[in-house]
């Protein structure tokens, strides 16, 4: 078995794709915060694809970690010269391995924050990209405003020590560029949140304005924050994945990445200092990302919620198990076609019927083994952003809401903390205690859960929604998840 690294690339099995370019010739053009599985299956893969065409060789990526857990990624990538194996799991059981070389360095910011800041301040860095998760943007979950009470943020604003947060590091680099007369880099969010570029701009500007109002104004007026829609199912790398890479391909890789075949990236073309020629790697460069965002949020993301609670209550534990059940497949397709799709804007270049069918095929990929536990997590963030807008849009125009209301009811039943077999459910949610306390009253007051206005707003005042929700939750108690799905399909 070969330990992955530049010295062993030429010795890899013939079936493993590898960089055709010389890593030593790459120059850093992108600094990326959050070098986890999704970034390595998505953005870094696209850049690697360009490099294999002889393009973007001055757009090498330097990953940056700021959290203690990022030390493991530092050690893994350093031990492998930045290389890692990307394994695409096809539904037919075929595993396709490809070594990615676009990450040329990785810096753990607490080791040397000055080095990280200077790298971003250097003229060669033209993009700073982010996959820091929704929580990394540090906005208050109710107000949507920047949370200045976070201790690490308060220390970075005070400025008596080296910056430690992504906001402190990026803002300091921008301050130095402004001071030196160097044009600002583009901040490119690749996180799965709606209007991610707008959110990033709001949060970084808020931080900068509090720290230095003049700098904050300069960032607001001169730094580009393009919006993007990103998509690729990328489960957390499991020990079994590392073992499979060793067994199937003979590669000793400390941290490979596994993913589905499908990938999509829709990106606003707003990069004042230039960008890699992403269009040559299949990225859709557009003027307006919103139609594509809504398509993903209301079809893919909301459909994940539509399958996960019902599926878990019925005894399934993986997304593919639920989707391969014809009863649930019908429910999902009808939700997408009759409730989700009517709320969308026109989506240029997309066949929505094909997109819906592709989603079903993706969810049903048994090789990916996407867990329902992952999809059930943080529902109080997901449902209000992905599903409730569909409910409100259809209520406003007289559209169908029965399936959407049933999904909300399935969440309410799931939040009680026991499935239909009486097994305990581990609820993972920032509002766990509050939600479970409310859900415990479901049976004595059928509308208790949706009367939580912090989550549902005024939906409990809408008779049509309340009627559909009540019918679905009552059905869950009387006949269970499978029969309820059949009734509401």
Protein backbone atom coordinates (compact mmCIF):
# COMPACT_ATOMS: atom_id res chain seq x y z
CA UNK A 1 0.00 0.00 0.00
CA UNK A 2 1.29 3.44 -0.96
CA UNK A 3 1.29 6.44 1.35
CA UNK A 4 -0.20 9.28 -0.69
CA UNK A 5 2.26 12.05 -1.57
CA UNK A 6 4.04 13.63 -4.53
CA UNK A 7 6.74 10.97 -4.43
CA UNK A 8 4.23 8.16 -4.90
CA UNK A 9 1.92 9.70 -7.52
CA UNK A 10 3.57 7.89 -10.40
CA UNK A 11 3.20 4.56 -8.59
CA UNK A 12 -0.56 4.73 -8.07
CA UNK A 13 -2.74 2.10 -9.77
CA UNK A 14 -3.59 2.83 -13.39
CA UNK A 15 -7.27 3.30 -12.60
CA UNK A 16 -6.64 6.21 -10.24
CA UNK A 17 -6.66 9.62 -11.95
CA UNK A 18 -3.95 11.98 -10.76
CA UNK A 19 -2.76 15.55 -11.47
CA UNK A 20 -1.21 15.99 -14.90
CA UNK A 21 0.40 19.24 -13.74
CA UNK A 22 3.43 19.87 -11.56
CA UNK A 23 2.32 21.05 -8.14
CA UNK A 24 5.64 22.80 -7.65
CA UNK A 25 4.74 25.18 -10.49
CA UNK A 26 1.47 26.33 -8.89
CA UNK A 27 1.10 29.75 -7.29
CA UNK A 28 -1.45 30.63 -4.62
CA UNK A 29 -4.31 32.79 -5.89
CA UNK A 30 -7.08 31.61 -3.55
CA UNK A 31 -7.04 31.48 0.25
CA UNK A 32 -9.82 29.25 1.54
CA UNK A 33 -11.30 29.09 5.04
CA UNK A 34 -12.97 25.80 5.94
CA UNK A 35 -11.09 23.08 4.07
CA UNK A 36 -13.50 20.27 4.90
CA UNK A 37 -15.12 17.55 2.84
CA UNK A 38 -17.43 19.74 0.80
CA UNK A 39 -14.75 22.20 -0.27
CA UNK A 40 -12.49 19.34 -1.33
CA UNK A 41 -15.29 17.60 -3.26
CA UNK A 42 -16.43 20.83 -4.90
CA UNK A 43 -14.38 24.04 -5.31
CA UNK A 44 -10.97 22.36 -5.04
CA UNK A 45 -12.13 19.69 -7.51
CA UNK A 46 -13.21 22.34 -10.04
CA UNK A 47 -9.86 24.14 -9.76
CA UNK A 48 -8.01 20.82 -10.12
CA UNK A 49 -10.04 20.10 -13.25
CA UNK A 50 -8.90 23.40 -14.75
CA UNK A 51 -5.28 22.73 -13.82
CA UNK A 52 -5.44 19.39 -15.60
CA UNK A 53 -6.34 21.38 -18.73
CA UNK A 54 -3.26 23.54 -18.28
CA UNK A 55 -5.37 26.43 -16.94
CA UNK A 56 -5.54 28.32 -13.61
CA UNK A 57 -1.99 27.42 -12.57
CA UNK A 58 -1.76 30.74 -10.73
CA UNK A 59 -4.96 29.97 -8.81
CA UNK A 60 -3.59 27.40 -6.38
CA UNK A 61 -5.49 27.12 -3.09
CA UNK A 62 -4.05 27.65 0.37
CA UNK A 63 -6.42 26.24 2.97
CA UNK A 64 -6.75 27.97 6.32
CA UNK A 65 -8.14 26.56 9.57
CA UNK A 66 -9.11 28.58 12.63
CA UNK A 67 -10.83 25.98 14.83
CA UNK A 68 -9.02 23.45 17.07
CA UNK A 69 -10.47 20.58 15.01
CA UNK A 70 -8.67 21.99 11.94
CA UNK A 71 -5.36 20.79 13.34
CA UNK A 72 -6.24 17.29 12.15
CA UNK A 73 -6.75 18.57 8.60
CA UNK A 74 -3.44 20.45 8.79
CA UNK A 75 -1.62 17.29 9.80
CA UNK A 76 -3.37 15.11 7.21
CA UNK A 77 -2.70 17.44 4.27
CA UNK A 78 0.86 18.29 5.34
CA UNK A 79 1.69 14.59 5.52
CA UNK A 80 0.49 14.15 1.92
CA UNK A 81 1.88 17.29 0.24
CA UNK A 82 -1.66 18.68 0.08
CA UNK A 83 -2.90 15.71 -1.96
CA UNK A 84 -6.04 13.71 -1.16
CA UNK A 85 -8.22 11.11 -2.83
CA UNK A 86 -11.69 12.08 -4.04
CA UNK A 87 -13.88 9.00 -4.41
CA UNK A 88 -17.08 9.31 -6.43
CA UNK A 89 -19.61 6.65 -5.46
CA UNK A 90 -21.84 5.68 -8.38
CA UNK A 91 -25.25 4.04 -7.80
CA UNK A 92 -24.16 0.88 -9.64
CA UNK A 93 -21.43 0.26 -7.06
CA UNK A 94 -18.57 1.64 -9.17
CA UNK A 95 -16.07 3.71 -7.18
CA UNK A 96 -14.09 6.28 -9.16
CA UNK A 97 -10.90 7.56 -7.50
CA UNK A 98 -9.11 10.77 -8.37
CA UNK A 99 -6.20 12.44 -6.59
CA UNK A 100 -6.66 16.21 -6.25
CA UNK A 101 -3.64 18.52 -6.20
CA UNK A 102 -5.08 22.03 -6.26
CA UNK A 103 -4.48 22.64 -2.53
CA UNK A 104 -0.86 23.72 -2.45
CA UNK A 105 -0.62 24.60 1.25
CA UNK A 106 -2.58 24.59 4.50
CA UNK A 107 -2.12 27.02 7.38
CA UNK A 108 -3.56 26.60 10.84
CA UNK A 109 -4.09 30.22 11.82
CA UNK A 110 -3.33 29.87 15.56
CA UNK A 111 0.14 28.58 14.62
CA UNK A 112 1.03 31.83 12.86
CA UNK A 113 -1.79 34.36 12.36
CA UNK A 114 0.62 36.91 10.92
CA UNK A 115 1.54 34.54 8.10
CA UNK A 116 -2.14 34.02 7.26
CA UNK A 117 -2.85 37.76 7.22
CA UNK A 118 0.19 38.53 5.07
CA UNK A 119 -0.73 35.83 2.58
CA UNK A 120 -4.15 37.43 2.10
CA UNK A 121 -2.60 40.90 1.99
CA UNK A 122 -0.23 39.83 -0.81
CA UNK A 123 -1.23 41.03 -4.31
CA UNK A 124 -1.20 37.48 -5.65
CA UNK A 125 -4.20 36.53 -3.51
CA UNK A 126 -7.21 37.61 -5.51
CA UNK A 127 -9.96 35.48 -3.95
CA UNK A 128 -10.66 34.56 -0.33
CA UNK A 129 -13.27 31.82 -0.30
CA UNK A 130 -15.36 30.36 2.50
CA UNK A 131 -17.05 27.13 3.51
CA UNK A 132 -17.41 27.92 7.21
CA UNK A 133 -21.00 26.62 7.60
CA UNK A 134 -23.97 28.82 8.36
CA UNK A 135 -22.91 29.16 12.00
CA UNK A 136 -19.56 30.54 10.93
CA UNK A 137 -21.16 33.78 9.73
CA UNK A 138 -21.95 34.64 13.34
CA UNK A 139 -25.41 36.12 12.87
CA UNK A 140 -28.11 35.99 15.49
CA UNK A 141 -30.62 33.27 14.63
CA UNK A 142 -33.61 35.53 15.36
CA UNK A 143 -32.53 39.03 14.30
CA UNK A 144 -30.18 38.03 11.48
CA UNK A 145 -27.74 40.71 12.67
CA UNK A 146 -24.07 40.20 13.48
CA UNK A 147 -23.56 38.86 17.01
CA UNK A 148 -21.00 41.06 18.71
CA UNK A 149 -21.34 39.24 22.03
CA UNK A 150 -19.31 36.21 20.90
CA UNK A 151 -16.17 36.30 23.09
CA UNK A 152 -13.70 35.62 20.25
CA UNK A 153 -15.33 38.35 18.15
CA UNK A 154 -15.14 40.82 21.04
CA UNK A 155 -11.42 40.09 21.47
CA UNK A 156 -10.75 40.59 17.75
CA UNK A 157 -12.59 43.92 17.76
CA UNK A 158 -10.65 45.03 20.83
CA UNK A 159 -7.47 44.26 18.88
CA UNK A 160 -5.06 43.77 21.77
CA UNK A 161 -3.92 40.40 20.41
CA UNK A 162 -3.41 38.83 16.98
CA UNK A 163 -6.69 38.19 15.15
CA UNK A 164 -8.14 34.74 15.79
CA UNK A 165 -11.45 34.60 13.92
CA UNK A 166 -12.12 34.53 10.19
CA UNK A 167 -13.56 38.04 10.55
CA UNK A 168 -10.51 39.37 12.36
CA UNK A 169 -8.05 37.76 9.95
CA UNK A 170 -9.82 38.78 6.73
CA UNK A 171 -10.53 42.33 7.92
CA UNK A 172 -6.92 42.86 8.97
CA UNK A 173 -5.73 41.65 5.57
CA UNK A 174 -8.12 44.05 3.84
CA UNK A 175 -6.91 46.88 6.08
CA UNK A 176 -3.33 46.24 5.00
CA UNK A 177 -4.25 46.10 1.33
CA UNK A 178 -6.09 49.42 1.64
CA UNK A 179 -3.12 50.95 3.48
CA UNK A 180 -0.69 49.66 0.82
CA UNK A 181 -2.79 50.69 -2.16
CA UNK A 182 -3.49 47.09 -3.19
CA UNK A 183 -6.93 46.43 -4.63
CA UNK A 184 -9.11 44.23 -2.39
CA UNK A 185 -9.58 40.54 -3.06
CA UNK A 186 -13.03 39.09 -3.76
CA UNK A 187 -14.71 37.28 -0.86
CA UNK A 188 -16.45 34.23 -2.33
CA UNK A 189 -18.84 32.30 -0.10
CA UNK A 190 -19.40 28.66 -1.09
CA UNK A 191 -21.69 27.86 1.83
CA UNK A 192 -25.14 26.34 1.46
CA UNK A 193 -27.11 29.39 2.57
CA UNK A 194 -29.41 31.57 0.55
CA UNK A 195 -27.79 34.76 -0.78
CA UNK A 196 -24.49 33.62 0.71
CA UNK A 197 -22.53 36.48 -0.81
CA UNK A 198 -24.97 39.07 0.54
CA UNK A 199 -24.83 37.43 3.97
CA UNK A 200 -21.03 37.44 3.90
CA UNK A 201 -20.96 41.11 2.91
CA UNK A 202 -23.36 42.07 5.68
CA UNK A 203 -21.43 40.21 8.37
CA UNK A 204 -17.89 41.21 7.37
CA UNK A 205 -18.96 44.81 6.92
CA UNK A 206 -20.69 44.86 10.31
CA UNK A 207 -17.53 43.55 11.98
CA UNK A 208 -15.30 46.04 10.17
CA UNK A 209 -17.58 49.01 10.86
CA UNK A 210 -17.48 48.26 14.59
CA UNK A 211 -13.68 47.92 14.54
CA UNK A 212 -12.87 50.80 12.16
CA UNK A 213 -15.77 52.74 10.56
CA UNK A 214 -13.65 54.07 7.70
CA UNK A 215 -12.41 50.59 6.86
CA UNK A 216 -15.95 49.25 7.10
CA UNK A 217 -17.16 51.84 4.58
CA UNK A 218 -14.27 50.97 2.25
CA UNK A 219 -15.11 47.26 2.41
CA UNK A 220 -18.80 47.96 1.77
CA UNK A 221 -17.96 50.06 -1.28
CA UNK A 222 -15.00 48.20 -2.81
CA UNK A 223 -15.02 44.50 -1.89
CA UNK A 224 -16.96 42.10 -4.13
CA UNK A 225 -19.07 39.36 -2.50
CA UNK A 226 -20.60 37.29 -5.33
CA UNK A 227 -23.52 35.00 -4.56
CA UNK A 228 -23.31 31.32 -5.42
CA UNK A 229 -25.40 28.17 -5.39
CA UNK A 230 -23.41 25.03 -4.62
CA UNK A 231 -24.54 21.41 -4.67
CA UNK A 232 -22.94 18.03 -4.10
CA UNK A 233 -23.91 15.46 -1.50
CA UNK A 234 -20.71 14.88 0.47
CA UNK A 235 -21.12 12.70 3.56
CA UNK A 236 -18.63 12.97 6.42
CA UNK A 237 -15.65 10.71 5.76
CA UNK A 238 -16.06 7.58 7.88
CA UNK A 239 -13.34 5.15 9.01
CA UNK A 240 -14.85 2.65 6.57
CA UNK A 241 -14.20 5.11 3.71
CA UNK A 242 -10.51 5.29 4.63
CA UNK A 243 -10.40 1.49 4.74
CA UNK A 244 -12.11 1.22 1.34
CA UNK A 245 -9.62 3.60 -0.28
CA UNK A 246 -6.84 1.39 1.05
CA UNK A 247 -8.49 -1.86 0.01
CA UNK A 248 -9.85 -0.85 -3.41
CA UNK A 249 -7.04 1.40 -4.59
CA UNK A 250 -4.03 0.55 -2.44
CA UNK A 251 -3.74 4.13 -1.18
CA UNK A 252 -2.91 5.09 2.40
CA UNK A 253 -4.82 8.39 2.63
CA UNK A 254 -5.25 10.02 6.03
CA UNK A 255 -8.41 11.89 4.99
CA UNK A 256 -10.02 11.03 1.65
CA UNK A 257 -13.35 12.52 0.57
CA UNK A 258 -16.37 10.61 -0.72
CA UNK A 259 -19.19 12.11 -2.76
CA UNK A 260 -21.99 11.47 -5.23
CA UNK A 261 -21.47 11.85 -9.01
CA UNK A 262 -23.70 14.94 -9.32
CA UNK A 263 -22.14 18.35 -8.84
CA UNK A 264 -23.36 21.88 -9.58
CA UNK A 265 -21.99 25.37 -9.03
CA UNK A 266 -23.87 28.48 -10.15
CA UNK A 267 -21.84 31.63 -9.56
CA UNK A 268 -22.35 35.36 -10.04
CA UNK A 269 -19.62 36.60 -12.35
CA UNK A 270 -18.36 39.47 -10.19
CA UNK A 271 -14.58 39.26 -9.67
CA UNK A 272 -12.82 42.63 -10.06
CA UNK A 273 -9.32 41.07 -9.79
CA UNK A 274 -10.14 38.19 -12.08
CA UNK A 275 -10.99 34.53 -11.46
CA UNK A 276 -10.10 31.09 -12.75
CA UNK A 277 -11.86 30.26 -16.05
CA UNK A 278 -14.50 28.28 -14.17
CA UNK A 279 -16.72 28.01 -17.24
CA UNK A 280 -14.22 25.52 -18.68
CA UNK A 281 -14.91 23.21 -15.72
CA UNK A 282 -18.71 23.30 -16.02
CA UNK A 283 -19.48 26.13 -13.59
CA UNK A 284 -22.51 28.22 -14.61
CA UNK A 285 -21.55 31.91 -14.58
CA UNK A 286 -24.69 34.03 -14.29
CA UNK A 287 -25.87 37.53 -13.48
CA UNK A 288 -28.50 36.38 -10.98
CA UNK A 289 -28.19 33.28 -8.78
CA UNK A 290 -31.59 33.63 -7.08
CA UNK A 291 -33.64 31.38 -9.41
CA UNK A 292 -31.12 28.57 -8.99
CA UNK A 293 -30.96 29.07 -5.22
CA UNK A 294 -34.72 28.82 -4.88
CA UNK A 295 -34.76 25.69 -7.05
CA UNK A 296 -32.23 23.98 -4.80
CA UNK A 297 -33.67 25.18 -1.49
CA UNK A 298 -37.29 24.37 -2.28
CA UNK A 299 -36.76 21.16 -4.23
CA UNK A 300 -33.58 19.49 -2.99
CA UNK A 301 -33.28 20.84 0.56
CA UNK A 302 -36.99 20.88 1.36
CA UNK A 303 -37.35 17.38 -0.09
CA UNK A 304 -34.64 16.17 2.25
CA UNK A 305 -36.85 17.40 5.10
CA UNK A 306 -39.87 15.76 3.48
CA UNK A 307 -38.23 12.33 3.54
CA UNK A 308 -36.19 12.46 6.73
CA UNK A 309 -38.70 12.68 9.63
CA UNK A 310 -41.29 10.42 8.05
CA UNK A 311 -38.55 7.98 7.11
CA UNK A 312 -36.96 7.96 10.56
CA UNK A 313 -40.29 7.46 12.31
CA UNK A 314 -41.04 4.54 9.98
CA UNK A 315 -37.80 2.83 10.96
CA UNK A 316 -35.44 3.80 8.12
CA UNK A 317 -32.01 5.24 8.90
CA UNK A 318 -30.60 6.19 5.48
CA UNK A 319 -31.92 8.52 2.78
CA UNK A 320 -31.58 5.88 0.06
CA UNK A 321 -33.77 3.45 2.01
CA UNK A 322 -36.59 5.97 2.17
CA UNK A 323 -36.31 7.09 -1.45
CA UNK A 324 -36.21 3.53 -2.78
CA UNK A 325 -39.60 2.90 -1.14
CA UNK A 326 -42.16 3.63 -3.92
CA UNK A 327 -44.61 5.12 -1.42
CA UNK A 328 -42.13 7.74 -0.26
CA UNK A 329 -40.86 8.34 -3.79
CA UNK A 330 -44.40 9.26 -4.89
CA UNK A 331 -44.80 11.60 -1.93
CA UNK A 332 -41.52 13.36 -2.72
CA UNK A 333 -42.24 13.77 -6.43
CA UNK A 334 -45.73 15.11 -5.74
CA UNK A 335 -44.36 17.58 -3.19
CA UNK A 336 -41.77 18.81 -5.66
CA UNK A 337 -44.10 19.04 -8.65
CA UNK A 338 -47.28 20.34 -7.00
CA UNK A 339 -46.03 22.43 -4.09
CA UNK A 340 -42.33 23.28 -4.47
CA UNK A 341 -42.08 23.97 -8.20
CA UNK A 342 -45.06 26.38 -8.46
CA UNK A 343 -43.28 28.77 -6.07
CA UNK A 344 -40.14 29.05 -8.22
CA UNK A 345 -39.01 31.75 -10.60
CA UNK A 346 -38.11 30.71 -14.16
CA UNK A 347 -34.74 28.91 -14.03
CA UNK A 348 -32.77 29.56 -17.24
CA UNK A 349 -31.31 26.46 -18.85
CA UNK A 350 -32.87 23.96 -16.42
CA UNK A 351 -35.41 21.26 -17.26
CA UNK A 352 -37.27 21.14 -13.93
CA UNK A 353 -38.90 17.79 -14.63
CA UNK A 354 -35.47 16.27 -15.29
CA UNK A 355 -34.09 18.05 -12.21
CA UNK A 356 -36.80 16.53 -10.01
CA UNK A 357 -36.16 13.03 -11.37
CA UNK A 358 -32.42 13.54 -10.92
CA UNK A 359 -32.99 14.44 -7.27
CA UNK A 360 -34.83 11.17 -6.69
CA UNK A 361 -31.98 9.24 -8.29
CA UNK A 362 -29.44 11.11 -6.15
CA UNK A 363 -31.35 10.48 -2.93
CA UNK A 364 -31.68 6.79 -3.84
CA UNK A 365 -27.92 6.27 -4.32
CA UNK A 366 -27.25 3.51 -1.79
CA UNK A 367 -23.47 3.90 -2.12
CA UNK A 368 -23.50 7.41 -0.64
CA UNK A 369 -25.26 6.23 2.55
CA UNK A 370 -26.45 9.67 3.61
CA UNK A 371 -27.88 9.29 7.10
CA UNK A 372 -31.31 10.49 8.17
CA UNK A 373 -29.74 11.59 11.45
CA UNK A 374 -27.68 14.15 9.50
CA UNK A 375 -30.70 15.37 7.57
CA UNK A 376 -32.81 15.61 10.74
CA UNK A 377 -30.28 17.83 12.53
CA UNK A 378 -30.79 21.56 13.10
CA UNK A 379 -34.37 21.50 11.84
CA UNK A 380 -35.21 24.81 13.50
CA UNK A 381 -32.76 26.44 11.07
CA UNK A 382 -33.67 24.36 8.03
CA UNK A 383 -37.47 24.15 8.03
CA UNK A 384 -38.03 27.95 8.29
CA UNK A 385 -35.65 28.63 5.42
CA UNK A 386 -36.38 25.74 3.08
CA UNK A 387 -39.98 24.63 3.58
CA UNK A 388 -41.99 27.39 5.27
CA UNK A 389 -41.40 29.83 2.36
CA UNK A 390 -43.11 27.23 0.12
CA UNK A 391 -46.05 27.08 2.55
CA UNK A 392 -46.40 30.85 2.67
CA UNK A 393 -46.12 31.28 -1.09
CA UNK A 394 -48.81 28.68 -1.73
CA UNK A 395 -51.08 30.05 0.97
CA UNK A 396 -50.84 33.46 -0.68
CA UNK A 397 -51.90 32.18 -4.11
CA UNK A 398 -54.25 29.38 -3.13
CA UNK A 399 -51.77 26.63 -4.02
CA UNK A 400 -51.49 23.20 -2.46
CA UNK A 401 -49.98 22.90 1.05
CA UNK A 402 -51.10 19.48 2.32
CA UNK A 403 -47.75 17.74 1.85
CA UNK A 404 -45.75 20.65 3.25
CA UNK A 405 -48.01 20.80 6.31
CA UNK A 406 -47.58 17.04 6.72
CA UNK A 407 -43.79 17.46 6.72
CA UNK A 408 -44.09 20.03 9.52
CA UNK A 409 -46.28 17.56 11.42
CA UNK A 410 -43.67 14.83 10.94
CA UNK A 411 -41.05 17.13 12.45
CA UNK A 412 -43.34 17.84 15.41
CA UNK A 413 -43.78 14.10 15.95
CA UNK A 414 -40.01 13.46 15.56
CA UNK A 415 -39.24 16.18 18.13
CA UNK A 416 -41.08 14.14 20.76
CA UNK A 417 -37.90 12.08 20.93
CA UNK A 418 -39.20 8.55 20.26
CA UNK A 419 -39.85 6.72 17.01
CA UNK A 420 -42.80 4.43 16.30
CA UNK A 421 -40.93 1.45 17.71
CA UNK A 422 -40.45 3.28 21.01
CA UNK A 423 -36.73 3.77 20.42
CA UNK A 424 -35.20 7.02 21.67
CA UNK A 425 -34.38 9.66 19.06
CA UNK A 426 -31.29 11.80 19.54
CA UNK A 427 -32.56 15.23 18.57
CA UNK A 428 -29.75 17.53 17.40
CA UNK A 429 -30.84 21.17 17.32
CA UNK A 430 -29.74 24.44 18.91
CA UNK A 431 -33.34 24.74 20.18
CA UNK A 432 -33.52 21.10 21.29
CA UNK A 433 -34.69 21.65 24.85
CA UNK A 434 -37.37 24.16 23.91
CA UNK A 435 -38.63 22.13 20.95
CA UNK A 436 -38.82 18.85 22.85
CA UNK A 437 -40.62 20.53 25.73
CA UNK A 438 -43.23 21.91 23.34
CA UNK A 439 -43.51 18.65 21.40
CA UNK A 440 -44.24 16.82 24.65
CA UNK A 441 -47.57 18.71 24.68
CA UNK A 442 -48.57 17.72 21.14
CA UNK A 443 -51.13 15.17 22.21
CA UNK A 444 -52.85 17.39 24.75
CA UNK A 445 -52.89 20.41 22.41
CA UNK A 446 -52.55 19.44 18.77
CA UNK A 447 -51.36 22.90 17.65
CA UNK A 448 -48.80 23.39 20.43
CA UNK A 449 -45.77 22.93 18.18
CA UNK A 450 -46.79 25.39 15.47
CA UNK A 451 -47.72 28.01 18.07
CA UNK A 452 -43.99 28.56 18.56
CA UNK A 453 -43.92 31.92 16.79
CA UNK A 454 -40.13 32.20 16.97
CA UNK A 455 -40.05 29.37 14.40
CA UNK A 456 -43.41 29.53 12.60
CA UNK A 457 -44.35 33.19 12.80
CA UNK A 458 -48.07 33.67 12.20
CA UNK A 459 -48.75 30.37 10.42
CA UNK A 460 -50.75 29.17 13.42
CA UNK A 461 -53.25 31.94 12.59
CA UNK A 462 -53.93 30.56 9.12
CA UNK A 463 -56.94 28.19 9.22
CA UNK A 464 -55.97 26.31 6.06
CA UNK A 465 -52.49 25.52 7.31
CA UNK A 466 -53.72 24.63 10.81
CA UNK A 467 -56.32 22.26 9.37
CA UNK A 468 -53.80 20.43 7.15
CA UNK A 469 -51.20 20.26 9.94
CA UNK A 470 -53.73 18.98 12.47
CA UNK A 471 -54.99 16.33 10.09
CA UNK A 472 -51.44 15.09 9.41
CA UNK A 473 -50.33 15.01 13.05
CA UNK A 474 -53.52 13.25 14.09
CA UNK A 475 -52.93 10.71 11.34
CA UNK A 476 -49.38 10.10 12.58
CA UNK A 477 -50.76 9.23 16.00
CA UNK A 478 -53.58 7.08 14.65
CA UNK A 479 -51.96 5.12 11.81
CA UNK A 480 -48.24 5.99 11.80
CA UNK A 481 -45.81 7.41 9.28
CA UNK A 482 -46.26 5.05 6.31
CA UNK A 483 -50.04 5.28 6.22
CA UNK A 484 -49.89 9.05 6.70
CA UNK A 485 -47.49 9.40 3.76
CA UNK A 486 -49.92 7.37 1.67
CA UNK A 487 -52.86 9.53 2.71
CA UNK A 488 -51.03 12.76 1.88
CA UNK A 489 -49.16 11.63 -1.24
